[in-house]
Amino acid sequence: MIKVINGLKYDTTKATKIAKWENSYGSSDFQWCMESLYVTRSGRYFVCGRGGALSIYSEPCGNNARGEGSKIIVLTEEEALSWCEDREIDSDTISEYFTIEDA
């Protein structure tokens, strides 16, 4: 997927995929969603997501209806790290892409 946001091109084929997450709903459920976190060569983070009619990725279709959709969401480095923590991405992956201090 390619999307231009604020004059910058975000391209899933050119960025590095850090992690993938999918919720517990099946792909035929309206609440289903799948997200992948990417980082560009210039260090910008983004999520490419897809989901059902009741997910944050839904898109309008027809008269007051919503259907499956997809989009790219730009994240700051802090938001990308929070995305990983919220989705319980393994610590080795997190440490590979983010600076993590010992407790």
PDB file of N, CA and C in Angstrom:
ATOM      1  N   MET A   1       0.850  -1.165   0.000  1.00  0.00           N
ATOM      2  CA  MET A   1       0.000   0.000   0.000  1.00  0.00           C
ATOM      3  C   MET A   1       0.903   1.238   0.000  1.00  0.00           C
ATOM      4  N   ILE A   2       0.510   2.225  -0.742  1.00  0.00           N
ATOM      5  CA  ILE A   2       1.238   3.487  -0.823  1.00  0.00           C
ATOM      6  C   ILE A   2       0.270   4.621  -0.509  1.00  0.00           C
ATOM      7  N   LYS A   3       0.717   5.551   0.332  1.00  0.00           N
ATOM      8  CA  LYS A   3      -0.112   6.699   0.695  1.00  0.00           C
ATOM      9  C   LYS A   3       0.797   7.903   0.909  1.00  0.00           C
ATOM     10  N   VAL A   4       0.390   9.052   0.352  1.00  0.00           N
ATOM     11  CA  VAL A   4       1.108  10.296   0.591  1.00  0.00           C
ATOM     12  C   VAL A   4       0.388  11.032   1.716  1.00  0.00           C
ATOM     13  N   ILE A   5       1.141  11.355   2.771  1.00  0.00           N
ATOM     14  CA  ILE A   5       0.598  12.040   3.935  1.00  0.00           C
ATOM     15  C   ILE A   5       1.531  13.193   4.275  1.00  0.00           C
ATOM     16  N   ASN A   6       0.985  14.401   4.305  1.00  0.00           N
ATOM     17  CA  ASN A   6       1.773  15.610   4.594  1.00  0.00           C
ATOM     18  C   ASN A   6       3.010  15.723   3.701  1.00  0.00           C
ATOM     19  N   GLY A   7       2.845  15.382   2.437  1.00  0.00           N
ATOM     20  CA  GLY A   7       3.930  15.517   1.464  1.00  0.00           C
ATOM     21  C   GLY A   7       4.976  14.420   1.520  1.00  0.00           C
ATOM     22  N   LEU A   8       4.758  13.373   2.312  1.00  0.00           N
ATOM     23  CA  LEU A   8       5.699  12.258   2.413  1.00  0.00           C
ATOM     24  C   LEU A   8       5.025  10.976   1.933  1.00  0.00           C
ATOM     25  N   LYS A   9       5.764  10.171   1.169  1.00  0.00           N
ATOM     26  CA  LYS A   9       5.210   8.920   0.641  1.00  0.00           C
ATOM     27  C   LYS A   9       5.556   7.765   1.579  1.00  0.00           C
ATOM     28  N   TYR A  10       4.529   7.091   2.036  1.00  0.00           N
ATOM     29  CA  TYR A  10       4.673   5.906   2.875  1.00  0.00           C
ATOM     30  C   TYR A  10       4.337   4.693   2.013  1.00  0.00           C
ATOM     31  N   ASP A  11       5.303   3.787   1.875  1.00  0.00           N
ATOM     32  CA  ASP A  11       5.189   2.652   0.957  1.00  0.00           C
ATOM     33  C   ASP A  11       5.546   1.380   1.711  1.00  0.00           C
ATOM     34  N   THR A  12       4.589   0.474   1.847  1.00  0.00           N
ATOM     35  CA  THR A  12       4.841  -0.764   2.589  1.00  0.00           C
ATOM     36  C   THR A  12       5.852  -1.669   1.884  1.00  0.00           C
ATOM     37  N   THR A  13       6.034  -1.496   0.577  1.00  0.00           N
ATOM     38  CA  THR A  13       7.002  -2.346  -0.133  1.00  0.00           C
ATOM     39  C   THR A  13       8.435  -1.856   0.031  1.00  0.00           C
ATOM     40  N   LYS A  14       8.611  -0.605   0.454  1.00  0.00           N
ATOM     41  CA  LYS A  14       9.955  -0.058   0.633  1.00  0.00           C
ATOM     42  C   LYS A  14      10.357   0.089   2.097  1.00  0.00           C
ATOM     43  N   ALA A  15       9.401   0.061   3.002  1.00  0.00           N
ATOM     44  CA  ALA A  15       9.681   0.192   4.433  1.00  0.00           C
ATOM     45  C   ALA A  15       9.964  -1.188   5.033  1.00  0.00           C
ATOM     46  N   THR A  16      10.534  -1.186   6.224  1.00  0.00           N
ATOM     47  CA  THR A  16      10.824  -2.427   6.944  1.00  0.00           C
ATOM     48  C   THR A  16       9.677  -2.739   7.891  1.00  0.00           C
ATOM     49  N   LYS A  17       9.133  -3.949   7.776  1.00  0.00           N
ATOM     50  CA  LYS A  17       8.060  -4.363   8.680  1.00  0.00           C
ATOM     51  C   LYS A  17       8.681  -4.778  10.008  1.00  0.00           C
ATOM     52  N   ILE A  18       8.245  -4.129  11.074  1.00  0.00           N
ATOM     53  CA  ILE A  18       8.751  -4.418  12.409  1.00  0.00           C
ATOM     54  C   ILE A  18       7.957  -5.544  13.053  1.00  0.00           C
ATOM     55  N   ALA A  19       6.634  -5.451  12.971  1.00  0.00           N
ATOM     56  CA  ALA A  19       5.779  -6.433  13.636  1.00  0.00           C
ATOM     57  C   ALA A  19       4.392  -6.438  13.008  1.00  0.00           C
ATOM     58  N   LYS A  20       3.690  -7.545  13.222  1.00  0.00           N
ATOM     59  CA  LYS A  20       2.322  -7.701  12.731  1.00  0.00           C
ATOM     60  C   LYS A  20       1.462  -8.125  13.920  1.00  0.00           C
ATOM     61  N   TRP A  21       0.234  -7.611  13.950  1.00  0.00           N
ATOM     62  CA  TRP A  21      -0.706  -7.940  15.021  1.00  0.00           C
ATOM     63  C   TRP A  21      -2.094  -8.111  14.423  1.00  0.00           C
ATOM     64  N   GLU A  22      -2.846  -9.035  14.985  1.00  0.00           N
ATOM     65  CA  GLU A  22      -4.232  -9.250  14.563  1.00  0.00           C
ATOM     66  C   GLU A  22      -5.064  -9.485  15.817  1.00  0.00           C
ATOM     67  N   ASN A  23      -6.263  -8.879  15.868  1.00  0.00           N
ATOM     68  CA  ASN A  23      -7.096  -9.108  17.041  1.00  0.00           C
ATOM     69  C   ASN A  23      -7.678 -10.520  17.009  1.00  0.00           C
ATOM     70  N   SER A  24      -8.430 -10.863  18.026  1.00  0.00           N
ATOM     71  CA  SER A  24      -8.899 -12.243  18.185  1.00  0.00           C
ATOM     72  C   SER A  24     -10.147 -12.579  17.373  1.00  0.00           C
ATOM     73  N   TYR A  25     -10.691 -11.607  16.641  1.00  0.00           N
ATOM     74  CA  TYR A  25     -11.875 -11.866  15.839  1.00  0.00           C
ATOM     75  C   TYR A  25     -11.495 -12.507  14.504  1.00  0.00           C
ATOM     76  N   GLY A  26     -12.348 -13.333  13.979  1.00  0.00           N
ATOM     77  CA  GLY A  26     -12.119 -13.920  12.664  1.00  0.00           C
ATOM     78  C   GLY A  26     -12.288 -12.878  11.571  1.00  0.00           C
ATOM     79  N   SER A  27     -11.698 -13.129  10.415  1.00  0.00           N
ATOM     80  CA  SER A  27     -11.716 -12.142   9.329  1.00  0.00           C
ATOM     81  C   SER A  27     -13.108 -11.863   8.776  1.00  0.00           C
ATOM     82  N   SER A  28     -14.093 -12.687   9.112  1.00  0.00           N
ATOM     83  CA  SER A  28     -15.462 -12.422   8.660  1.00  0.00           C
ATOM     84  C   SER A  28     -16.253 -11.595   9.684  1.00  0.00           C
ATOM     85  N   ASP A  29     -15.654 -11.338  10.848  1.00  0.00           N
ATOM     86  CA  ASP A  29     -16.319 -10.556  11.897  1.00  0.00           C
ATOM     87  C   ASP A  29     -16.175  -9.068  11.601  1.00  0.00           C
ATOM     88  N   PHE A  30     -17.193  -8.292  11.896  1.00  0.00           N
ATOM     89  CA  PHE A  30     -17.168  -6.850  11.650  1.00  0.00           C
ATOM     90  C   PHE A  30     -16.095  -6.129  12.474  1.00  0.00           C
ATOM     91  N   GLN A  31     -15.682  -6.702  13.618  1.00  0.00           N
ATOM     92  CA  GLN A  31     -14.698  -6.054  14.481  1.00  0.00           C
ATOM     93  C   GLN A  31     -13.251  -6.471  14.182  1.00  0.00           C
ATOM     94  N   TRP A  32     -13.067  -7.396  13.267  1.00  0.00           N
ATOM     95  CA  TRP A  32     -11.735  -7.895  12.930  1.00  0.00           C
ATOM     96  C   TRP A  32     -10.822  -6.777  12.454  1.00  0.00           C
ATOM     97  N   CYS A  33      -9.559  -6.842  12.867  1.00  0.00           N
ATOM     98  CA  CYS A  33      -8.562  -5.951  12.285  1.00  0.00           C
ATOM     99  C   CYS A  33      -7.171  -6.557  12.381  1.00  0.00           C
ATOM    100  N   MET A  34      -6.340  -6.154  11.442  1.00  0.00           N
ATOM    101  CA  MET A  34      -4.964  -6.607  11.344  1.00  0.00           C
ATOM    102  C   MET A  34      -4.109  -5.371  11.108  1.00  0.00           C
ATOM    103  N   GLU A  35      -2.976  -5.273  11.805  1.00  0.00           N
ATOM    104  CA  GLU A  35      -2.098  -4.125  11.662  1.00  0.00           C
ATOM    105  C   GLU A  35      -0.650  -4.586  11.529  1.00  0.00           C
ATOM    106  N   SER A  36       0.124  -3.850  10.763  1.00  0.00           N
ATOM    107  CA  SER A  36       1.562  -4.067  10.671  1.00  0.00           C
ATOM    108  C   SER A  36       2.247  -2.734  10.904  1.00  0.00           C
ATOM    109  N   LEU A  37       3.284  -2.770  11.748  1.00  0.00           N
ATOM    110  CA  LEU A  37       4.073  -1.578  12.052  1.00  0.00           C
ATOM    111  C   LEU A  37       5.300  -1.575  11.154  1.00  0.00           C
ATOM    112  N   TYR A  38       5.570  -0.425  10.536  1.00  0.00           N
ATOM    113  CA  TYR A  38       6.699  -0.270   9.619  1.00  0.00           C
ATOM    114  C   TYR A  38       7.558   0.908  10.042  1.00  0.00           C
ATOM    115  N   VAL A  39       8.827   0.879   9.608  1.00  0.00           N
ATOM    116  CA  VAL A  39       9.713   2.022   9.731  1.00  0.00           C
ATOM    117  C   VAL A  39      10.346   2.262   8.358  1.00  0.00           C
ATOM    118  N   THR A  40      10.374   3.529   7.953  1.00  0.00           N
ATOM    119  CA  THR A  40      10.952   3.878   6.655  1.00  0.00           C
ATOM    120  C   THR A  40      12.471   3.995   6.782  1.00  0.00           C
ATOM    121  N   ARG A  41      13.144   4.084   5.643  1.00  0.00           N
ATOM    122  CA  ARG A  41      14.603   4.258   5.655  1.00  0.00           C
ATOM    123  C   ARG A  41      15.011   5.548   6.361  1.00  0.00           C
ATOM    124  N   SER A  42      14.144   6.544   6.360  1.00  0.00           N
ATOM    125  CA  SER A  42      14.455   7.812   7.023  1.00  0.00           C
ATOM    126  C   SER A  42      14.003   7.832   8.493  1.00  0.00           C
ATOM    127  N   GLY A  43      13.544   6.694   9.013  1.00  0.00           N
ATOM    128  CA  GLY A  43      13.207   6.584  10.431  1.00  0.00           C
ATOM    129  C   GLY A  43      11.814   7.010  10.822  1.00  0.00           C
ATOM    130  N   ARG A  44      10.913   7.093   9.863  1.00  0.00           N
ATOM    131  CA  ARG A  44       9.525   7.433  10.177  1.00  0.00           C
ATOM    132  C   ARG A  44       8.714   6.146  10.359  1.00  0.00           C
ATOM    133  N   TYR A  45       7.844   6.168  11.350  1.00  0.00           N
ATOM    134  CA  TYR A  45       7.039   4.992  11.678  1.00  0.00           C
ATOM    135  C   TYR A  45       5.618   5.155  11.171  1.00  0.00           C
ATOM    136  N   PHE A  46       5.024   4.024  10.768  1.00  0.00           N
ATOM    137  CA  PHE A  46       3.620   4.038  10.379  1.00  0.00           C
ATOM    138  C   PHE A  46       3.019   2.651  10.536  1.00  0.00           C
ATOM    139  N   VAL A  47       1.712   2.633  10.707  1.00  0.00           N
ATOM    140  CA  VAL A  47       0.941   1.394  10.767  1.00  0.00           C
ATOM    141  C   VAL A  47       0.108   1.303   9.505  1.00  0.00           C
ATOM    142  N   CYS A  48       0.127   0.149   8.888  1.00  0.00           N
ATOM    143  CA  CYS A  48      -0.772  -0.147   7.780  1.00  0.00           C
ATOM    144  C   CYS A  48      -1.776  -1.153   8.329  1.00  0.00           C
ATOM    145  N   GLY A  49      -3.035  -0.769   8.325  1.00  0.00           N
ATOM    146  CA  GLY A  49      -4.053  -1.625   8.916  1.00  0.00           C
ATOM    147  C   GLY A  49      -5.210  -1.898   7.980  1.00  0.00           C
ATOM    148  N   ARG A  50      -5.900  -2.958   8.308  1.00  0.00           N
ATOM    149  CA  ARG A  50      -7.085  -3.370   7.546  1.00  0.00           C
ATOM    150  C   ARG A  50      -8.074  -3.949   8.539  1.00  0.00           C
ATOM    151  N   GLY A  51      -9.363  -3.701   8.318  1.00  0.00           N
ATOM    152  CA  GLY A  51     -10.325  -4.232   9.262  1.00  0.00           C
ATOM    153  C   GLY A  51     -11.751  -4.209   8.755  1.00  0.00           C
ATOM    154  N   GLY A  52     -12.616  -4.775   9.566  1.00  0.00           N
ATOM    155  CA  GLY A  52     -14.025  -4.908   9.228  1.00  0.00           C
ATOM    156  C   GLY A  52     -14.819  -3.628   9.466  1.00  0.00           C
ATOM    157  N   ALA A  53     -16.104  -3.737   9.252  1.00  0.00           N
ATOM    158  CA  ALA A  53     -17.011  -2.578   9.280  1.00  0.00           C
ATOM    159  C   ALA A  53     -17.097  -1.896  10.639  1.00  0.00           C
ATOM    160  N   LEU A  54     -16.772  -2.573  11.723  1.00  0.00           N
ATOM    161  CA  LEU A  54     -16.815  -1.972  13.054  1.00  0.00           C
ATOM    162  C   LEU A  54     -15.409  -1.716  13.613  1.00  0.00           C
ATOM    163  N   SER A  55     -14.408  -1.756  12.759  1.00  0.00           N
ATOM    164  CA  SER A  55     -13.034  -1.471  13.181  1.00  0.00           C
ATOM    165  C   SER A  55     -12.691  -0.019  12.861  1.00  0.00           C
ATOM    166  N   ILE A  56     -11.539   0.444  13.310  1.00  0.00           N
ATOM    167  CA  ILE A  56     -11.112   1.813  12.998  1.00  0.00           C
ATOM    168  C   ILE A  56     -10.751   1.966  11.531  1.00  0.00           C
ATOM    169  N   TYR A  57     -10.675   0.865  10.809  1.00  0.00           N
ATOM    170  CA  TYR A  57     -10.310   0.908   9.398  1.00  0.00           C
ATOM    171  C   TYR A  57     -11.507   0.876   8.453  1.00  0.00           C
ATOM    172  N   SER A  58     -12.714   0.840   9.001  1.00  0.00           N
ATOM    173  CA  SER A  58     -13.905   0.758   8.148  1.00  0.00           C
ATOM    174  C   SER A  58     -14.017   1.980   7.237  1.00  0.00           C
ATOM    175  N   GLU A  59     -14.682   1.773   6.117  1.00  0.00           N
ATOM    176  CA  GLU A  59     -14.881   2.838   5.130  1.00  0.00           C
ATOM    177  C   GLU A  59     -16.356   2.910   4.754  1.00  0.00           C
ATOM    178  N   PRO A  60     -16.829   4.108   4.429  1.00  0.00           N
ATOM    179  CA  PRO A  60     -18.225   4.247   4.010  1.00  0.00           C
ATOM    180  C   PRO A  60     -18.497   3.465   2.717  1.00  0.00           C
ATOM    181  N   CYS A  61     -19.671   2.872   2.659  1.00  0.00           N
ATOM    182  CA  CYS A  61     -20.098   2.199   1.423  1.00  0.00           C
ATOM    183  C   CYS A  61     -21.620   2.247   1.349  1.00  0.00           C
ATOM    184  N   GLY A  62     -22.126   2.917   0.378  1.00  0.00           N
ATOM    185  CA  GLY A  62     -23.574   3.001   0.218  1.00  0.00           C
ATOM    186  C   GLY A  62     -24.220   3.994   1.155  1.00  0.00           C
ATOM    187  N   ASN A  63     -25.514   3.806   1.367  1.00  0.00           N
ATOM    188  CA  ASN A  63     -26.328   4.717   2.181  1.00  0.00           C
ATOM    189  C   ASN A  63     -26.132   4.452   3.666  1.00  0.00           C
ATOM    190  N   ASN A  64     -25.357   5.298   4.321  1.00  0.00           N
ATOM    191  CA  ASN A  64     -25.117   5.215   5.761  1.00  0.00           C
ATOM    192  C   ASN A  64     -24.591   3.854   6.214  1.00  0.00           C
ATOM    193  N   ALA A  65     -23.898   3.160   5.355  1.00  0.00           N
ATOM    194  CA  ALA A  65     -23.340   1.857   5.694  1.00  0.00           C
ATOM    195  C   ALA A  65     -21.819   1.956   5.747  1.00  0.00           C
ATOM    196  N   ARG A  66     -21.210   0.980   6.389  1.00  0.00           N
ATOM    197  CA  ARG A  66     -19.753   0.917   6.458  1.00  0.00           C
ATOM    198  C   ARG A  66     -19.330  -0.492   6.080  1.00  0.00           C
ATOM    199  N   GLY A  67     -18.156  -0.586   5.498  1.00  0.00           N
ATOM    200  CA  GLY A  67     -17.619  -1.876   5.101  1.00  0.00           C
ATOM    201  C   GLY A  67     -16.150  -1.979   5.461  1.00  0.00           C
ATOM    202  N   GLU A  68     -15.556  -3.091   5.097  1.00  0.00           N
ATOM    203  CA  GLU A  68     -14.143  -3.330   5.344  1.00  0.00           C
ATOM    204  C   GLU A  68     -13.309  -2.235   4.699  1.00  0.00           C
ATOM    205  N   GLY A  69     -12.204  -1.888   5.340  1.00  0.00           N
ATOM    206  CA  GLY A  69     -11.343  -0.848   4.790  1.00  0.00           C
ATOM    207  C   GLY A  69      -9.909  -1.010   5.227  1.00  0.00           C
ATOM    208  N   SER A  70      -9.067  -0.136   4.728  1.00  0.00           N
ATOM    209  CA  SER A  70      -7.654  -0.142   5.096  1.00  0.00           C
ATOM    210  C   SER A  70      -7.115   1.274   5.025  1.00  0.00           C
ATOM    211  N   LYS A  71      -6.035   1.527   5.775  1.00  0.00           N
ATOM    212  CA  LYS A  71      -5.401   2.836   5.732  1.00  0.00           C
ATOM    213  C   LYS A  71      -4.038   2.777   6.387  1.00  0.00           C
ATOM    214  N   ILE A  72      -3.290   3.837   6.168  1.00  0.00           N
ATOM    215  CA  ILE A  72      -1.985   4.021   6.792  1.00  0.00           C
ATOM    216  C   ILE A  72      -2.123   5.128   7.830  1.00  0.00           C
ATOM    217  N   ILE A  73      -1.560   4.879   9.010  1.00  0.00           N
ATOM    218  CA  ILE A  73      -1.570   5.848  10.101  1.00  0.00           C
ATOM    219  C   ILE A  73      -0.124   6.137  10.484  1.00  0.00           C
ATOM    220  N   VAL A  74       0.268   7.405  10.424  1.00  0.00           N
ATOM    221  CA  VAL A  74       1.623   7.818  10.772  1.00  0.00           C
ATOM    222  C   VAL A  74       1.742   7.914  12.292  1.00  0.00           C
ATOM    223  N   LEU A  75       2.866   7.422  12.836  1.00  0.00           N
ATOM    224  CA  LEU A  75       3.113   7.434  14.270  1.00  0.00           C
ATOM    225  C   LEU A  75       4.443   8.109  14.585  1.00  0.00           C
ATOM    226  N   THR A  76       4.522   8.713  15.748  1.00  0.00           N
ATOM    227  CA  THR A  76       5.818   9.167  16.245  1.00  0.00           C
ATOM    228  C   THR A  76       6.566   7.932  16.764  1.00  0.00           C
ATOM    229  N   GLU A  77       7.845   8.100  17.075  1.00  0.00           N
ATOM    230  CA  GLU A  77       8.604   6.981  17.623  1.00  0.00           C
ATOM    231  C   GLU A  77       7.999   6.511  18.946  1.00  0.00           C
ATOM    232  N   GLU A  78       7.571   7.448  19.777  1.00  0.00           N
ATOM    233  CA  GLU A  78       6.963   7.102  21.061  1.00  0.00           C
ATOM    234  C   GLU A  78       5.655   6.339  20.857  1.00  0.00           C
ATOM    235  N   GLU A  79       4.851   6.777  19.898  1.00  0.00           N
ATOM    236  CA  GLU A  79       3.593   6.082  19.603  1.00  0.00           C
ATOM    237  C   GLU A  79       3.858   4.685  19.041  1.00  0.00           C
ATOM    238  N   ALA A  80       4.900   4.545  18.232  1.00  0.00           N
ATOM    239  CA  ALA A  80       5.252   3.236  17.680  1.00  0.00           C
ATOM    240  C   ALA A  80       5.683   2.277  18.789  1.00  0.00           C
ATOM    241  N   LEU A  81       6.474   2.777  19.726  1.00  0.00           N
ATOM    242  CA  LEU A  81       6.883   1.953  20.869  1.00  0.00           C
ATOM    243  C   LEU A  81       5.666   1.552  21.695  1.00  0.00           C
ATOM    244  N   SER A  82       4.763   2.492  21.948  1.00  0.00           N
ATOM    245  CA  SER A  82       3.526   2.176  22.689  1.00  0.00           C
ATOM    246  C   SER A  82       2.688   1.150  21.936  1.00  0.00           C
ATOM    247  N   TRP A  83       2.641   1.266  20.608  1.00  0.00           N
ATOM    248  CA  TRP A  83       1.910   0.300  19.789  1.00  0.00           C
ATOM    249  C   TRP A  83       2.466  -1.095  20.057  1.00  0.00           C
ATOM    250  N   CYS A  84       3.782  -1.225  20.065  1.00  0.00           N
ATOM    251  CA  CYS A  84       4.425  -2.524  20.320  1.00  0.00           C
ATOM    252  C   CYS A  84       4.101  -3.042  21.718  1.00  0.00           C
ATOM    253  N   GLU A  85       4.207  -2.173  22.712  1.00  0.00           N
ATOM    254  CA  GLU A  85       3.940  -2.579  24.091  1.00  0.00           C
ATOM    255  C   GLU A  85       2.475  -2.977  24.275  1.00  0.00           C
ATOM    256  N   ASP A  86       1.556  -2.203  23.719  1.00  0.00           N
ATOM    257  CA  ASP A  86       0.122  -2.489  23.846  1.00  0.00           C
ATOM    258  C   ASP A  86      -0.264  -3.816  23.211  1.00  0.00           C
ATOM    259  N   ARG A  87       0.449  -4.195  22.166  1.00  0.00           N
ATOM    260  CA  ARG A  87       0.134  -5.430  21.447  1.00  0.00           C
ATOM    261  C   ARG A  87       1.041  -6.587  21.850  1.00  0.00           C
ATOM    262  N   GLU A  88       1.817  -6.354  22.918  1.00  0.00           N
ATOM    263  CA  GLU A  88       2.694  -7.370  23.486  1.00  0.00           C
ATOM    264  C   GLU A  88       3.635  -7.991  22.465  1.00  0.00           C
ATOM    265  N   ILE A  89       4.251  -7.130  21.647  1.00  0.00           N
ATOM    266  CA  ILE A  89       5.277  -7.574  20.702  1.00  0.00           C
ATOM    267  C   ILE A  89       6.492  -8.003  21.520  1.00  0.00           C
ATOM    268  N   ASP A  90       7.191  -9.040  21.089  1.00  0.00           N
ATOM    269  CA  ASP A  90       8.284  -9.586  21.897  1.00  0.00           C
ATOM    270  C   ASP A  90       9.406  -8.567  22.123  1.00  0.00           C
ATOM    271  N   SER A  91      10.052  -8.675  23.278  1.00  0.00           N
ATOM    272  CA  SER A  91      11.053  -7.689  23.695  1.00  0.00           C
ATOM    273  C   SER A  91      12.273  -7.662  22.787  1.00  0.00           C
ATOM    274  N   ASP A  92      12.630  -8.783  22.161  1.00  0.00           N
ATOM    275  CA  ASP A  92      13.766  -8.779  21.230  1.00  0.00           C
ATOM    276  C   ASP A  92      13.481  -7.895  20.021  1.00  0.00           C
ATOM    277  N   THR A  93      12.284  -7.975  19.498  1.00  0.00           N
ATOM    278  CA  THR A  93      11.895  -7.128  18.367  1.00  0.00           C
ATOM    279  C   THR A  93      11.877  -5.665  18.781  1.00  0.00           C
ATOM    280  N   ILE A  94      11.310  -5.376  19.931  1.00  0.00           N
ATOM    281  CA  ILE A  94      11.262  -3.996  20.411  1.00  0.00           C
ATOM    282  C   ILE A  94      12.678  -3.446  20.576  1.00  0.00           C
ATOM    283  N   SER A  95      13.560  -4.212  21.175  1.00  0.00           N
ATOM    284  CA  SER A  95      14.943  -3.773  21.414  1.00  0.00           C
ATOM    285  C   SER A  95      15.717  -3.568  20.107  1.00  0.00           C
ATOM    286  N   GLU A  96      15.327  -4.279  19.066  1.00  0.00           N
ATOM    287  CA  GLU A  96      16.006  -4.143  17.776  1.00  0.00           C
ATOM    288  C   GLU A  96      15.718  -2.785  17.120  1.00  0.00           C
ATOM    289  N   TYR A  97      14.529  -2.232  17.358  1.00  0.00           N
ATOM    290  CA  TYR A  97      14.114  -1.012  16.670  1.00  0.00           C
ATOM    291  C   TYR A  97      14.005   0.228  17.555  1.00  0.00           C
ATOM    292  N   PHE A  98      14.069   0.047  18.872  1.00  0.00           N
ATOM    293  CA  PHE A  98      13.917   1.160  19.796  1.00  0.00           C
ATOM    294  C   PHE A  98      15.009   1.119  20.855  1.00  0.00           C
ATOM    295  N   THR A  99      15.363   2.277  21.384  1.00  0.00           N
ATOM    296  CA  THR A  99      16.323   2.347  22.481  1.00  0.00           C
ATOM    297  C   THR A  99      15.573   2.097  23.783  1.00  0.00           C
ATOM    298  N   ILE A 100      15.934   1.025  24.462  1.00  0.00           N
ATOM    299  CA  ILE A 100      15.254   0.620  25.679  1.00  0.00           C
ATOM    300  C   ILE A 100      16.256   0.635  26.837  1.00  0.00           C
ATOM    301  N   GLU A 101      15.891   1.289  27.923  1.00  0.00           N
ATOM    302  CA  GLU A 101      16.752   1.328  29.112  1.00  0.00           C
ATOM    303  C   GLU A 101      16.380   0.212  30.070  1.00  0.00           C
ATOM    304  N   ASP A 102      17.374  -0.257  30.831  1.00  0.00           N
ATOM    305  CA  ASP A 102      17.094  -1.231  31.868  1.00  0.00           C
ATOM    306  C   ASP A 102      16.365  -0.557  33.019  1.00  0.00           C
ATOM    307  N   ALA A 103      15.524  -1.317  33.692  1.00  0.00           N
ATOM    308  CA  ALA A 103      14.761  -0.788  34.830  1.00  0.00           C
ATOM    309  C   ALA A 103      15.658  -0.601  36.035  1.00  0.00           C
TER     310      ALA A 103
END
